[in-house]
Amino acid sequence: MPVQCTCAQCGAAYPALPYEVRAGRRFCSTACRYLAATVDPRTTFWEKVRKSDDCWVWTGKTDVNGYGLLRTTYRPTRWERAHRGAWELAAGEIPDGMIIGHVCDTRPCVRNDDEGWYEVNGLLRARRGHLWLGTQADNMVDMSVKGRSTRTLGAVVVADILATYAPDGKGGMSASALARKHSTSPGVILRVIRTHRPAS
């Protein structure tokens, strides 16, 4: 006859056969057993960060644009950008529709220490370290002011990008190399390529 047991992970009651209890069954499901065997990624967050006097750089997994990635669930596996996780660690949940921008324009930066303000287009936005909370519209204005928008690149720069870009860096320059050359981001370089090169 099954006996009633309590899951060591979620606390739910579940039936177990006597031989399962003797064998050490402690969880109501495979999912609970798996969760109990994993570590919350936020508890090991700072193990993946290299701190300096300026930026605190994420050294874990990154996406194609260079933003740090933090795994938030295991089954199914879900990721969020590490700088958003850093904001939530310091200031709590991010309101719906808001983004986290970088004061320093360093995409893998997760510095979230001191609290203050960041001015965007005459408006003050909440800041934690090198991260600030705003809208996507704020972000576009900030990009434009800092010269990170494709609209702020001159015709000569665009022509140089189109002439020297090579996806693999062979026979030309990669997006990252061109971004360093023109003081912008790889994403801006790739938008220039997509916008100005004819579709094949």
N, C-alpha and C. Protein backbone atom coordinates (compact mmCIF):
# COMPACT_ATOMS: atom_id res chain seq x y z
N MET A 1 0.84 -1.20 0.00
CA MET A 1 0.00 0.00 0.00
C MET A 1 0.88 1.26 0.00
N PRO A 2 0.52 2.27 -0.82
CA PRO A 2 1.29 3.52 -0.81
C PRO A 2 1.17 4.24 0.52
N VAL A 3 2.22 4.97 0.85
CA VAL A 3 2.20 5.80 2.05
C VAL A 3 2.32 7.26 1.63
N GLN A 4 1.77 8.17 2.45
CA GLN A 4 1.85 9.60 2.13
C GLN A 4 3.20 10.15 2.59
N CYS A 5 3.87 10.84 1.68
CA CYS A 5 5.17 11.46 1.99
C CYS A 5 5.10 12.94 1.66
N THR A 6 6.08 13.70 2.12
CA THR A 6 6.16 15.13 1.83
C THR A 6 7.41 15.40 0.99
N CYS A 7 7.23 16.09 -0.14
CA CYS A 7 8.35 16.39 -1.04
C CYS A 7 9.35 17.31 -0.36
N ALA A 8 10.62 16.93 -0.40
CA ALA A 8 11.68 17.72 0.23
C ALA A 8 11.97 19.01 -0.53
N GLN A 9 11.46 19.15 -1.77
CA GLN A 9 11.70 20.35 -2.56
C GLN A 9 10.52 21.33 -2.48
N CYS A 10 9.33 20.86 -2.85
CA CYS A 10 8.18 21.77 -2.93
C CYS A 10 7.22 21.67 -1.74
N GLY A 11 7.36 20.64 -0.91
CA GLY A 11 6.51 20.49 0.26
C GLY A 11 5.16 19.85 0.00
N ALA A 12 4.92 19.44 -1.26
CA ALA A 12 3.63 18.82 -1.59
C ALA A 12 3.58 17.39 -1.07
N ALA A 13 2.36 16.93 -0.76
CA ALA A 13 2.18 15.54 -0.34
C ALA A 13 2.12 14.66 -1.58
N TYR A 14 2.71 13.46 -1.50
CA TYR A 14 2.67 12.54 -2.63
C TYR A 14 2.68 11.10 -2.11
N PRO A 15 2.06 10.18 -2.86
CA PRO A 15 2.05 8.78 -2.44
C PRO A 15 3.33 8.09 -2.92
N ALA A 16 3.88 7.23 -2.09
CA ALA A 16 5.07 6.46 -2.46
C ALA A 16 4.91 5.04 -1.94
N LEU A 17 5.43 4.12 -2.70
CA LEU A 17 5.40 2.72 -2.27
C LEU A 17 6.46 2.50 -1.21
N PRO A 18 6.25 1.55 -0.29
CA PRO A 18 7.22 1.31 0.80
C PRO A 18 8.65 1.08 0.31
N TYR A 19 8.80 0.36 -0.81
CA TYR A 19 10.18 0.11 -1.28
C TYR A 19 10.84 1.41 -1.77
N GLU A 20 10.02 2.38 -2.29
CA GLU A 20 10.58 3.66 -2.72
C GLU A 20 11.06 4.47 -1.50
N VAL A 21 10.30 4.40 -0.43
CA VAL A 21 10.68 5.10 0.80
C VAL A 21 11.98 4.50 1.34
N ARG A 22 12.04 3.16 1.37
CA ARG A 22 13.26 2.49 1.85
C ARG A 22 14.47 2.83 0.97
N ALA A 23 14.21 3.02 -0.33
CA ALA A 23 15.31 3.34 -1.26
C ALA A 23 15.74 4.80 -1.16
N GLY A 24 15.01 5.59 -0.38
CA GLY A 24 15.42 6.98 -0.16
C GLY A 24 14.69 8.01 -1.01
N ARG A 25 13.54 7.66 -1.58
CA ARG A 25 12.80 8.66 -2.37
C ARG A 25 12.37 9.81 -1.48
N ARG A 26 12.67 11.06 -1.93
CA ARG A 26 12.35 12.24 -1.12
C ARG A 26 11.57 13.30 -1.88
N PHE A 27 11.33 13.04 -3.19
CA PHE A 27 10.71 14.07 -4.03
C PHE A 27 9.47 13.55 -4.73
N CYS A 28 8.53 14.46 -5.01
CA CYS A 28 7.26 14.06 -5.63
C CYS A 28 7.39 13.84 -7.13
N SER A 29 8.43 14.40 -7.74
CA SER A 29 8.58 14.29 -9.19
C SER A 29 10.05 14.39 -9.58
N THR A 30 10.31 14.05 -10.83
CA THR A 30 11.67 14.19 -11.38
C THR A 30 12.07 15.66 -11.40
N ALA A 31 11.11 16.53 -11.72
CA ALA A 31 11.40 17.97 -11.77
C ALA A 31 11.89 18.48 -10.41
N CYS A 32 11.20 18.06 -9.32
CA CYS A 32 11.62 18.50 -7.98
C CYS A 32 12.98 17.92 -7.61
N ARG A 33 13.22 16.67 -7.99
CA ARG A 33 14.53 16.07 -7.71
C ARG A 33 15.63 16.83 -8.44
N TYR A 34 15.35 17.22 -9.69
CA TYR A 34 16.34 17.97 -10.47
C TYR A 34 16.60 19.34 -9.87
N LEU A 35 15.51 20.04 -9.50
CA LEU A 35 15.66 21.38 -8.90
C LEU A 35 16.46 21.34 -7.62
N ALA A 36 16.24 20.31 -6.81
CA ALA A 36 16.97 20.19 -5.55
C ALA A 36 18.45 19.96 -5.77
N ALA A 37 18.80 19.39 -6.94
CA ALA A 37 20.20 19.07 -7.22
C ALA A 37 20.93 20.22 -7.91
N THR A 38 20.22 21.29 -8.26
CA THR A 38 20.84 22.41 -8.95
C THR A 38 21.01 23.58 -7.99
N VAL A 39 21.84 24.51 -8.43
CA VAL A 39 22.10 25.72 -7.63
C VAL A 39 21.43 26.89 -8.33
N ASP A 40 20.74 27.73 -7.59
CA ASP A 40 20.16 28.93 -8.17
C ASP A 40 21.28 29.74 -8.79
N PRO A 41 21.19 30.06 -10.11
CA PRO A 41 22.29 30.77 -10.76
C PRO A 41 22.62 32.11 -10.13
N ARG A 42 21.62 32.73 -9.47
CA ARG A 42 21.89 34.03 -8.85
C ARG A 42 22.82 33.91 -7.64
N THR A 43 22.86 32.73 -7.01
CA THR A 43 23.75 32.57 -5.86
C THR A 43 25.20 32.49 -6.28
N THR A 44 25.46 32.18 -7.55
CA THR A 44 26.84 32.10 -8.04
C THR A 44 27.14 33.23 -9.03
N PHE A 45 26.26 34.25 -9.06
CA PHE A 45 26.37 35.35 -10.03
C PHE A 45 27.77 35.98 -10.03
N TRP A 46 28.25 36.35 -8.83
CA TRP A 46 29.49 37.12 -8.78
C TRP A 46 30.74 36.29 -9.06
N GLU A 47 30.59 34.96 -9.06
CA GLU A 47 31.73 34.12 -9.45
C GLU A 47 32.07 34.29 -10.93
N LYS A 48 31.12 34.83 -11.71
CA LYS A 48 31.32 35.00 -13.15
C LYS A 48 31.59 36.46 -13.52
N VAL A 49 32.01 37.25 -12.54
CA VAL A 49 32.24 38.68 -12.78
C VAL A 49 33.67 39.05 -12.42
N ARG A 50 34.33 39.78 -13.33
CA ARG A 50 35.68 40.29 -13.07
C ARG A 50 35.56 41.78 -12.76
N LYS A 51 35.83 42.14 -11.50
CA LYS A 51 35.67 43.52 -11.07
C LYS A 51 36.96 44.31 -11.26
N SER A 52 36.79 45.58 -11.60
CA SER A 52 37.93 46.50 -11.69
C SER A 52 37.47 47.83 -11.09
N ASP A 53 38.34 48.85 -11.17
CA ASP A 53 37.95 50.17 -10.67
C ASP A 53 36.91 50.82 -11.56
N ASP A 54 36.73 50.29 -12.79
CA ASP A 54 35.76 50.85 -13.73
C ASP A 54 34.61 49.87 -13.91
N CYS A 55 34.61 49.09 -14.97
CA CYS A 55 33.52 48.15 -15.24
C CYS A 55 33.69 46.84 -14.48
N TRP A 56 32.57 46.20 -14.19
CA TRP A 56 32.54 44.85 -13.66
C TRP A 56 32.07 43.96 -14.79
N VAL A 57 32.98 43.22 -15.37
CA VAL A 57 32.71 42.52 -16.63
C VAL A 57 32.26 41.08 -16.40
N TRP A 58 31.15 40.71 -17.03
CA TRP A 58 30.62 39.35 -16.99
C TRP A 58 31.55 38.44 -17.78
N THR A 59 32.00 37.35 -17.16
CA THR A 59 32.94 36.44 -17.84
C THR A 59 32.26 35.13 -18.24
N GLY A 60 30.96 35.01 -17.96
CA GLY A 60 30.23 33.81 -18.35
C GLY A 60 29.78 33.87 -19.80
N LYS A 61 28.76 33.13 -20.12
CA LYS A 61 28.21 33.04 -21.47
C LYS A 61 27.74 34.40 -21.94
N THR A 62 27.94 34.70 -23.24
CA THR A 62 27.45 35.94 -23.84
C THR A 62 26.67 35.62 -25.11
N ASP A 63 25.83 36.58 -25.54
CA ASP A 63 25.11 36.40 -26.80
C ASP A 63 25.93 36.97 -27.94
N VAL A 64 25.39 36.92 -29.16
CA VAL A 64 26.16 37.35 -30.34
C VAL A 64 26.48 38.84 -30.32
N ASN A 65 25.73 39.61 -29.53
CA ASN A 65 25.98 41.05 -29.45
C ASN A 65 26.92 41.42 -28.30
N GLY A 66 27.37 40.42 -27.54
CA GLY A 66 28.31 40.69 -26.47
C GLY A 66 27.70 40.92 -25.11
N TYR A 67 26.37 40.80 -24.98
CA TYR A 67 25.74 40.94 -23.67
C TYR A 67 25.89 39.64 -22.89
N GLY A 68 26.15 39.76 -21.58
CA GLY A 68 26.23 38.59 -20.73
C GLY A 68 24.89 37.89 -20.62
N LEU A 69 24.93 36.56 -20.50
CA LEU A 69 23.71 35.77 -20.38
C LEU A 69 23.71 35.01 -19.05
N LEU A 70 22.59 35.08 -18.35
CA LEU A 70 22.42 34.42 -17.07
C LEU A 70 21.28 33.41 -17.19
N ARG A 71 21.56 32.14 -16.87
CA ARG A 71 20.51 31.12 -16.94
C ARG A 71 19.59 31.29 -15.74
N THR A 72 18.28 31.40 -16.02
CA THR A 72 17.33 31.64 -14.94
C THR A 72 16.52 30.39 -14.59
N THR A 73 16.31 29.50 -15.53
CA THR A 73 15.67 28.22 -15.24
C THR A 73 16.39 27.12 -15.99
N TYR A 74 16.26 25.90 -15.51
CA TYR A 74 16.96 24.79 -16.10
C TYR A 74 16.06 23.94 -17.00
N ARG A 75 14.83 23.72 -16.60
CA ARG A 75 13.90 22.94 -17.41
C ARG A 75 12.57 23.67 -17.50
N PRO A 76 12.23 24.31 -18.62
CA PRO A 76 13.10 24.48 -19.79
C PRO A 76 14.21 25.49 -19.50
N THR A 77 15.28 25.40 -20.24
CA THR A 77 16.39 26.35 -20.03
C THR A 77 15.97 27.71 -20.56
N ARG A 78 16.08 28.72 -19.71
CA ARG A 78 15.78 30.09 -20.12
C ARG A 78 16.94 30.98 -19.69
N TRP A 79 17.20 31.99 -20.51
CA TRP A 79 18.31 32.91 -20.24
C TRP A 79 17.78 34.33 -20.17
N GLU A 80 18.42 35.15 -19.38
CA GLU A 80 18.17 36.58 -19.41
C GLU A 80 19.52 37.27 -19.48
N ARG A 81 19.54 38.50 -19.88
CA ARG A 81 20.81 39.22 -19.97
C ARG A 81 21.33 39.50 -18.56
N ALA A 82 22.62 39.29 -18.40
CA ALA A 82 23.23 39.36 -17.07
C ALA A 82 23.09 40.75 -16.45
N HIS A 83 23.13 41.81 -17.26
CA HIS A 83 23.02 43.15 -16.67
C HIS A 83 21.61 43.39 -16.12
N ARG A 84 20.60 42.73 -16.69
CA ARG A 84 19.26 42.81 -16.12
C ARG A 84 19.21 42.08 -14.77
N GLY A 85 19.88 40.91 -14.73
CA GLY A 85 19.97 40.18 -13.47
C GLY A 85 20.69 41.00 -12.40
N ALA A 86 21.75 41.71 -12.80
CA ALA A 86 22.50 42.53 -11.86
C ALA A 86 21.62 43.66 -11.30
N TRP A 87 20.81 44.26 -12.17
CA TRP A 87 19.89 45.31 -11.71
C TRP A 87 18.91 44.74 -10.68
N GLU A 88 18.35 43.57 -10.99
CA GLU A 88 17.36 42.98 -10.09
C GLU A 88 17.98 42.60 -8.74
N LEU A 89 19.24 42.18 -8.76
CA LEU A 89 19.92 41.87 -7.50
C LEU A 89 20.05 43.12 -6.63
N ALA A 90 20.24 44.28 -7.26
CA ALA A 90 20.46 45.52 -6.50
C ALA A 90 19.17 46.27 -6.21
N ALA A 91 18.23 46.27 -7.16
CA ALA A 91 17.08 47.16 -7.04
C ALA A 91 15.73 46.48 -7.14
N GLY A 92 15.69 45.17 -7.27
CA GLY A 92 14.42 44.48 -7.37
C GLY A 92 13.94 44.34 -8.81
N GLU A 93 12.70 43.94 -8.96
CA GLU A 93 12.13 43.60 -10.25
C GLU A 93 12.10 44.80 -11.20
N ILE A 94 12.35 44.52 -12.47
CA ILE A 94 12.31 45.56 -13.51
C ILE A 94 10.86 45.71 -13.96
N PRO A 95 10.31 46.93 -13.93
CA PRO A 95 8.91 47.11 -14.35
C PRO A 95 8.71 46.71 -15.81
N ASP A 96 7.52 46.25 -16.14
CA ASP A 96 7.19 45.86 -17.51
C ASP A 96 7.44 47.01 -18.46
N GLY A 97 8.03 46.69 -19.62
CA GLY A 97 8.26 47.69 -20.66
C GLY A 97 9.51 48.52 -20.47
N MET A 98 10.25 48.30 -19.39
CA MET A 98 11.47 49.08 -19.14
C MET A 98 12.70 48.28 -19.54
N ILE A 99 13.73 48.99 -19.90
CA ILE A 99 14.99 48.36 -20.27
C ILE A 99 16.08 48.79 -19.29
N ILE A 100 17.19 48.05 -19.30
CA ILE A 100 18.36 48.44 -18.51
C ILE A 100 19.46 48.82 -19.49
N GLY A 101 19.88 50.07 -19.42
CA GLY A 101 20.95 50.56 -20.30
C GLY A 101 22.27 50.62 -19.55
N HIS A 102 23.32 50.91 -20.32
CA HIS A 102 24.67 51.01 -19.76
C HIS A 102 25.16 52.45 -19.83
N VAL A 103 25.56 52.99 -18.72
CA VAL A 103 26.21 54.30 -18.70
C VAL A 103 27.54 54.22 -19.45
N CYS A 104 28.24 53.12 -19.27
CA CYS A 104 29.60 52.95 -19.80
C CYS A 104 29.63 52.43 -21.24
N ASP A 105 28.48 51.99 -21.77
CA ASP A 105 28.40 51.39 -23.11
C ASP A 105 29.23 50.13 -23.26
N THR A 106 29.54 49.47 -22.15
CA THR A 106 30.25 48.19 -22.17
C THR A 106 29.21 47.10 -21.95
N ARG A 107 28.89 46.36 -23.00
CA ARG A 107 27.75 45.45 -22.96
C ARG A 107 27.84 44.36 -21.88
N PRO A 108 29.01 43.77 -21.63
CA PRO A 108 29.04 42.75 -20.57
C PRO A 108 29.18 43.32 -19.16
N CYS A 109 29.12 44.65 -19.00
CA CYS A 109 29.28 45.25 -17.68
C CYS A 109 28.03 45.02 -16.83
N VAL A 110 28.24 44.61 -15.57
CA VAL A 110 27.13 44.35 -14.64
C VAL A 110 27.31 45.14 -13.34
N ARG A 111 28.08 46.21 -13.38
CA ARG A 111 28.34 46.98 -12.16
C ARG A 111 27.04 47.59 -11.63
N ASN A 112 26.69 47.29 -10.39
CA ASN A 112 25.40 47.70 -9.83
C ASN A 112 25.53 48.24 -8.40
N ASP A 113 26.68 48.81 -8.06
CA ASP A 113 26.94 49.13 -6.66
C ASP A 113 26.26 50.40 -6.17
N ASP A 114 26.71 51.57 -6.58
CA ASP A 114 26.19 52.81 -6.00
C ASP A 114 24.89 53.24 -6.67
N GLU A 115 24.05 53.91 -5.89
CA GLU A 115 22.74 54.35 -6.37
C GLU A 115 22.82 55.82 -6.74
N GLY A 116 22.17 56.19 -7.85
CA GLY A 116 22.19 57.59 -8.26
C GLY A 116 21.24 57.83 -9.41
N TRP A 117 21.59 58.82 -10.25
CA TRP A 117 20.73 59.22 -11.36
C TRP A 117 21.54 59.30 -12.64
N TYR A 118 20.87 59.09 -13.76
CA TYR A 118 21.49 59.20 -15.08
C TYR A 118 20.56 60.06 -15.94
N GLU A 119 21.12 61.09 -16.59
CA GLU A 119 20.29 62.01 -17.37
C GLU A 119 20.22 61.57 -18.82
N VAL A 120 19.00 61.44 -19.32
CA VAL A 120 18.75 61.10 -20.72
C VAL A 120 17.77 62.12 -21.28
N ASN A 121 18.24 62.91 -22.23
CA ASN A 121 17.39 63.89 -22.91
C ASN A 121 16.69 64.82 -21.91
N GLY A 122 17.42 65.23 -20.88
CA GLY A 122 16.89 66.16 -19.89
C GLY A 122 16.08 65.51 -18.78
N LEU A 123 15.90 64.18 -18.84
CA LEU A 123 15.14 63.47 -17.81
C LEU A 123 16.10 62.67 -16.94
N LEU A 124 15.84 62.62 -15.63
CA LEU A 124 16.66 61.83 -14.73
C LEU A 124 16.10 60.42 -14.63
N ARG A 125 16.97 59.45 -14.83
CA ARG A 125 16.58 58.04 -14.74
C ARG A 125 17.37 57.37 -13.61
N ALA A 126 16.74 56.43 -12.91
CA ALA A 126 17.40 55.73 -11.80
C ALA A 126 18.62 54.99 -12.30
N ARG A 127 19.70 55.04 -11.49
CA ARG A 127 20.96 54.40 -11.87
C ARG A 127 21.48 53.57 -10.71
N ARG A 128 22.07 52.44 -11.03
CA ARG A 128 22.82 51.60 -10.08
C ARG A 128 24.15 51.29 -10.72
N GLY A 129 25.24 51.85 -10.18
CA GLY A 129 26.56 51.63 -10.77
C GLY A 129 26.59 52.12 -12.21
N HIS A 130 26.88 51.22 -13.15
CA HIS A 130 26.93 51.58 -14.57
C HIS A 130 25.63 51.25 -15.30
N LEU A 131 24.58 50.90 -14.57
CA LEU A 131 23.32 50.50 -15.18
C LEU A 131 22.25 51.55 -14.89
N TRP A 132 21.39 51.80 -15.87
CA TRP A 132 20.29 52.73 -15.65
C TRP A 132 18.99 52.16 -16.19
N LEU A 133 17.88 52.59 -15.57
CA LEU A 133 16.54 52.10 -15.88
C LEU A 133 15.81 53.13 -16.72
N GLY A 134 15.29 52.71 -17.87
CA GLY A 134 14.56 53.64 -18.72
C GLY A 134 13.71 52.91 -19.73
N THR A 135 13.22 53.66 -20.71
CA THR A 135 12.40 53.09 -21.78
C THR A 135 13.27 52.85 -23.01
N GLN A 136 12.73 52.11 -23.97
CA GLN A 136 13.46 51.91 -25.22
C GLN A 136 13.67 53.23 -25.94
N ALA A 137 12.70 54.14 -25.84
CA ALA A 137 12.86 55.47 -26.44
C ALA A 137 14.04 56.21 -25.81
N ASP A 138 14.17 56.12 -24.48
CA ASP A 138 15.33 56.71 -23.80
C ASP A 138 16.62 56.13 -24.35
N ASN A 139 16.63 54.82 -24.54
CA ASN A 139 17.82 54.12 -25.02
C ASN A 139 18.21 54.61 -26.41
N MET A 140 17.21 54.81 -27.29
CA MET A 140 17.50 55.27 -28.65
C MET A 140 18.08 56.69 -28.63
N VAL A 141 17.54 57.55 -27.75
CA VAL A 141 18.08 58.91 -27.62
C VAL A 141 19.51 58.84 -27.10
N ASP A 142 19.74 58.00 -26.10
CA ASP A 142 21.08 57.86 -25.52
C ASP A 142 22.08 57.36 -26.57
N MET A 143 21.65 56.39 -27.38
CA MET A 143 22.51 55.88 -28.46
C MET A 143 22.88 56.98 -29.43
N SER A 144 21.88 57.77 -29.81
CA SER A 144 22.11 58.83 -30.79
C SER A 144 23.07 59.89 -30.25
N VAL A 145 22.84 60.30 -28.99
CA VAL A 145 23.69 61.32 -28.37
C VAL A 145 25.14 60.84 -28.29
N LYS A 146 25.32 59.54 -28.02
CA LYS A 146 26.67 58.98 -27.88
C LYS A 146 27.29 58.55 -29.20
N GLY A 147 26.56 58.73 -30.30
CA GLY A 147 27.10 58.37 -31.61
C GLY A 147 27.08 56.88 -31.88
N ARG A 148 26.18 56.14 -31.22
CA ARG A 148 26.10 54.70 -31.44
C ARG A 148 24.98 54.31 -32.39
N SER A 149 24.26 55.29 -32.92
CA SER A 149 23.19 55.00 -33.86
C SER A 149 23.74 55.01 -35.28
N THR A 150 23.17 54.19 -36.16
CA THR A 150 23.63 54.18 -37.56
C THR A 150 23.40 55.54 -38.21
N ARG A 151 22.41 56.30 -37.73
CA ARG A 151 22.13 57.61 -38.33
C ARG A 151 23.25 58.61 -38.07
N THR A 152 24.06 58.38 -37.04
CA THR A 152 25.10 59.33 -36.70
C THR A 152 26.41 59.03 -37.43
N LEU A 153 26.47 57.94 -38.16
CA LEU A 153 27.68 57.61 -38.90
C LEU A 153 27.69 58.37 -40.22
N GLY A 154 28.80 59.00 -40.53
CA GLY A 154 28.91 59.75 -41.79
C GLY A 154 29.02 58.83 -42.99
N ALA A 155 28.86 59.42 -44.17
CA ALA A 155 28.91 58.65 -45.42
C ALA A 155 30.27 58.00 -45.63
N VAL A 156 31.34 58.69 -45.22
CA VAL A 156 32.69 58.14 -45.40
C VAL A 156 32.87 56.89 -44.52
N VAL A 157 32.37 56.96 -43.28
CA VAL A 157 32.48 55.82 -42.37
C VAL A 157 31.65 54.64 -42.90
N VAL A 158 30.43 54.91 -43.35
CA VAL A 158 29.58 53.85 -43.91
C VAL A 158 30.27 53.21 -45.12
N ALA A 159 30.87 54.02 -45.98
CA ALA A 159 31.56 53.49 -47.16
C ALA A 159 32.74 52.61 -46.74
N ASP A 160 33.46 53.03 -45.72
CA ASP A 160 34.59 52.23 -45.22
C ASP A 160 34.11 50.90 -44.67
N ILE A 161 33.01 50.92 -43.93
CA ILE A 161 32.45 49.68 -43.36
C ILE A 161 32.06 48.72 -44.48
N LEU A 162 31.35 49.24 -45.48
CA LEU A 162 30.90 48.39 -46.59
C LEU A 162 32.07 47.82 -47.39
N ALA A 163 33.15 48.62 -47.51
CA ALA A 163 34.30 48.18 -48.31
C ALA A 163 35.18 47.18 -47.58
N THR A 164 35.22 47.24 -46.25
CA THR A 164 36.19 46.41 -45.52
C THR A 164 35.58 45.29 -44.69
N TYR A 165 34.25 45.24 -44.57
CA TYR A 165 33.63 44.22 -43.74
C TYR A 165 33.77 42.83 -44.36
N ALA A 166 34.15 41.88 -43.52
CA ALA A 166 34.16 40.46 -43.90
C ALA A 166 33.62 39.68 -42.71
N PRO A 167 32.56 38.87 -42.90
CA PRO A 167 31.93 38.19 -41.76
C PRO A 167 32.90 37.38 -40.90
N ASP A 168 33.87 36.73 -41.54
CA ASP A 168 34.81 35.90 -40.78
C ASP A 168 36.12 36.62 -40.49
N GLY A 169 36.23 37.87 -40.92
CA GLY A 169 37.46 38.63 -40.70
C GLY A 169 38.56 38.34 -41.70
N LYS A 170 38.33 37.38 -42.59
CA LYS A 170 39.34 37.03 -43.58
C LYS A 170 39.14 37.89 -44.83
N GLY A 171 40.20 38.53 -45.27
CA GLY A 171 40.10 39.39 -46.44
C GLY A 171 39.44 40.72 -46.12
N GLY A 172 39.31 41.03 -44.84
CA GLY A 172 38.68 42.27 -44.43
C GLY A 172 38.67 42.36 -42.91
N MET A 173 37.73 43.12 -42.38
CA MET A 173 37.64 43.31 -40.94
C MET A 173 36.30 42.78 -40.43
N SER A 174 36.33 42.18 -39.24
CA SER A 174 35.10 41.68 -38.62
C SER A 174 34.30 42.86 -38.08
N ALA A 175 33.04 42.58 -37.69
CA ALA A 175 32.19 43.62 -37.11
C ALA A 175 32.81 44.18 -35.84
N SER A 176 33.41 43.30 -35.02
CA SER A 176 34.03 43.76 -33.77
C SER A 176 35.21 44.69 -34.04
N ALA A 177 36.03 44.32 -35.03
CA ALA A 177 37.20 45.14 -35.38
C ALA A 177 36.76 46.50 -35.93
N LEU A 178 35.73 46.50 -36.79
CA LEU A 178 35.23 47.76 -37.33
C LEU A 178 34.59 48.62 -36.24
N ALA A 179 33.93 47.98 -35.27
CA ALA A 179 33.34 48.73 -34.16
C ALA A 179 34.42 49.44 -33.35
N ARG A 180 35.54 48.73 -33.10
CA ARG A 180 36.65 49.37 -32.37
C ARG A 180 37.24 50.52 -33.20
N LYS A 181 37.38 50.31 -34.49
CA LYS A 181 37.96 51.33 -35.37
C LYS A 181 37.12 52.60 -35.38
N HIS A 182 35.80 52.44 -35.40
CA HIS A 182 34.91 53.60 -35.54
C HIS A 182 34.20 53.98 -34.24
N SER A 183 34.67 53.44 -33.11
CA SER A 183 34.14 53.78 -31.78
C SER A 183 32.62 53.61 -31.70
N THR A 184 32.17 52.45 -32.13
CA THR A 184 30.75 52.14 -32.05
C THR A 184 30.62 50.69 -31.61
N SER A 185 29.47 50.07 -31.82
CA SER A 185 29.25 48.69 -31.39
C SER A 185 29.15 47.76 -32.59
N PRO A 186 29.43 46.47 -32.40
CA PRO A 186 29.26 45.51 -33.49
C PRO A 186 27.84 45.49 -34.04
N GLY A 187 26.85 45.72 -33.17
CA GLY A 187 25.46 45.75 -33.62
C GLY A 187 25.21 46.86 -34.62
N VAL A 188 25.81 48.04 -34.39
CA VAL A 188 25.67 49.16 -35.33
C VAL A 188 26.32 48.80 -36.66
N ILE A 189 27.48 48.18 -36.62
CA ILE A 189 28.17 47.77 -37.85
C ILE A 189 27.29 46.81 -38.65
N LEU A 190 26.71 45.83 -37.98
CA LEU A 190 25.87 44.84 -38.67
C LEU A 190 24.60 45.48 -39.22
N ARG A 191 24.06 46.50 -38.52
CA ARG A 191 22.88 47.20 -39.07
C ARG A 191 23.25 47.98 -40.33
N VAL A 192 24.45 48.55 -40.36
CA VAL A 192 24.91 49.23 -41.56
C VAL A 192 24.98 48.24 -42.72
N ILE A 193 25.53 47.07 -42.47
CA ILE A 193 25.66 46.06 -43.52
C ILE A 193 24.28 45.64 -44.02
N ARG A 194 23.37 45.36 -43.10
CA ARG A 194 22.02 44.91 -43.50
C ARG A 194 21.29 46.01 -44.26
N THR A 195 21.48 47.26 -43.84
CA THR A 195 20.73 48.37 -44.45
C THR A 195 21.25 48.74 -45.82
N HIS A 196 22.57 48.71 -46.00
CA HIS A 196 23.16 49.27 -47.21
C HIS A 196 23.59 48.25 -48.24
N ARG A 197 23.79 47.01 -47.84
CA ARG A 197 24.18 45.99 -48.82
C ARG A 197 22.93 45.41 -49.47
N PRO A 198 22.94 45.27 -50.81
CA PRO A 198 21.76 44.67 -51.48
C PRO A 198 21.62 43.21 -51.08
N ALA A 199 20.36 42.78 -50.98
CA ALA A 199 20.10 41.37 -50.65
C ALA A 199 20.59 40.47 -51.76
N SER A 200 21.20 39.33 -51.41
CA SER A 200 21.73 38.43 -52.42
C SER A 200 20.68 37.41 -52.83
